[in-house]
């Protein structure tokens, strides 16, 4: 069932000579029948697989998906950041021989050093070409592996604690939003916000720019829409028995509405990546064709092949048919009986005008087939916005004139400086898709605590400023808490740009989480003049601004802290030891400014205790200068 010599490899790269080998790696799956005749008939007829490769394609679909990992890119690791193994996830979890390796993967994932992410899932963020200044929207973000990748790319320069850009990660499912928060928190970024909205009607946001309120347009949008998921059969075994063409037919409309809402909020010159884990052209090329047709030249399908030169993929197709779950085929909308019009829509078919179809360049879409690189199945297309969408042009130049004003929305591109001008909804024709219908914002799930920014004269800040000797450039107005009343227990930080978004849209969006925790209240610290200790998560964010209570250590000191269970301070080198003594009577925190800071901050020590969250215990001992600890 399994294949030998599937060595680990870089995504889109060549195989290495070393790798893991596992005989019978599909063990445990034999009881599941991986057959679906309708699936085989459908994709044989559509010819998305090259001639002569269909059996190989089906054989690959029946094999378990190999586990893949991605090393966090902004932590200065080597270039080979994504790796295949030839082991399934089940074998990694269950094999006694791999127990320590699995524990390593779990711990490194929790610490944010690696992400366990499917290989094809890594492709869309790479095609977005993220830069640190980009404003990014992830429309359907949960569970968050792609979001984490976007955050990493935003922080490509670790010497910049607050990139100008940010990531707003959205999901319609309130519970899945908390999975998203968990993923994002591992990376400790002040530039991430998690929100909870229906992506097809996600609200348009505002922000202050040069003293006036403007509409927020995103430089990059990831539109990884809900799909039938038949490209995931290797890991989601239930798809084999549940697959039917009805799934695609039912999702097609939603996928178009989400994609249309995305391009509406994309800045002119911006880039949107549309992706699915489906191989079905109804969810793939048909959606792209509908977007391009509706855009009237405002959108262009980009050729992304140079961006991933090692990737094996099949170009998009320009001809396909629609099949019902009963096996009835239709080649054109004109063939569809009236009784089927609620299930099958005109946008599910290729455009009938040959010139228009050729100008779309659907061959620029990319379909990844499982047997070409031992991956899951995937579809991705890159859209570049050349002009405002027709229904958002202020001059009314669209051929399809808008006829109805929608209360409470702002025009997308025409004149973004005009506040509270109604968005316009145009008439839908049978053969085109208009913008999504307006929906009132509905809030579900738990009621979130408020986000309250500190004021310029907040009484809690002077003691923090003095204790840590924060530099004059510290952006204290970016510090927030989650309560209006009572003692502030946790302090968080966001970037200046996210602060702008939060202050201008509190009534428009449901924010689940944002920012990174930087300080936690510790009442014992009041005797030393500051009731707040550093939070481990905020070290990277605060380090550039803290000028006191820092001990710089050498490589040998790092070795001591990593290899000795309970080292006294005297075990450190003379330089580090003397720095600790000079901290005086109130040295509550030691901030170790080296690449391994996260590891060092979690080492248990009866005198140092846990650096970071429990460092106040160490501070007390340093202040008393006991001989056994000094």
Foldseek 3Di string as FASTA:
>chain_A
DADFPLAKDFQLDDHDPDADTDPPLQPPCVVFDQDDVQVLVACVVFCLDPPPCSVLLSVLLQAAFWWKKAFLQQLPDDDRGIMTHSHHPVCCVPPPVNVVVSVVVVVCQQLVGMPGDFSVLQPPLLLQPDELQFAEEELAAPLHPNVSVNVSRNCNPLVDLARNYAYEYEHQDPVSLVSNVSNNLSQLHLRYFYFHFLLLAAAFFWFDDPRFIFTQAGQEYEAADDALQSLVCSHVVVCSVVDFLLRLLVCLVSSLSNVLSNLLRHDAQHKYKYKYLDPDCLNAVLSLQQVVVQQVPQKAWDQSCVSSVSHDWFFFDQAGWGAHRVGDIDRAPVPDDPVCPVRDALSSHHDPDVVSSVRNPSRSKTWHRCSVSVGGTMTMIMMHGNDRRQQLAPVQPDPFGFDDFDFDGDRRPHDRRDPRDTRTWTDDDRNHDTHDDHDDTDDDDDDFFAKAFDDPPRPQVPLVCVVQVFAPPPPRRQKIARHPDDDGFWIFGHHPVVVRRCVRDVPSTGIDDRGGTFWGAACVLVVVRHRIFGALSCLSSRVVTGDALEAEADPVQVVCLVPPQADALVVGDPRSSVNLLVSEQASQAYQYPDSCRSVSQQRAYPQCGGHHPRSNSVRNCSNVVDVVRD
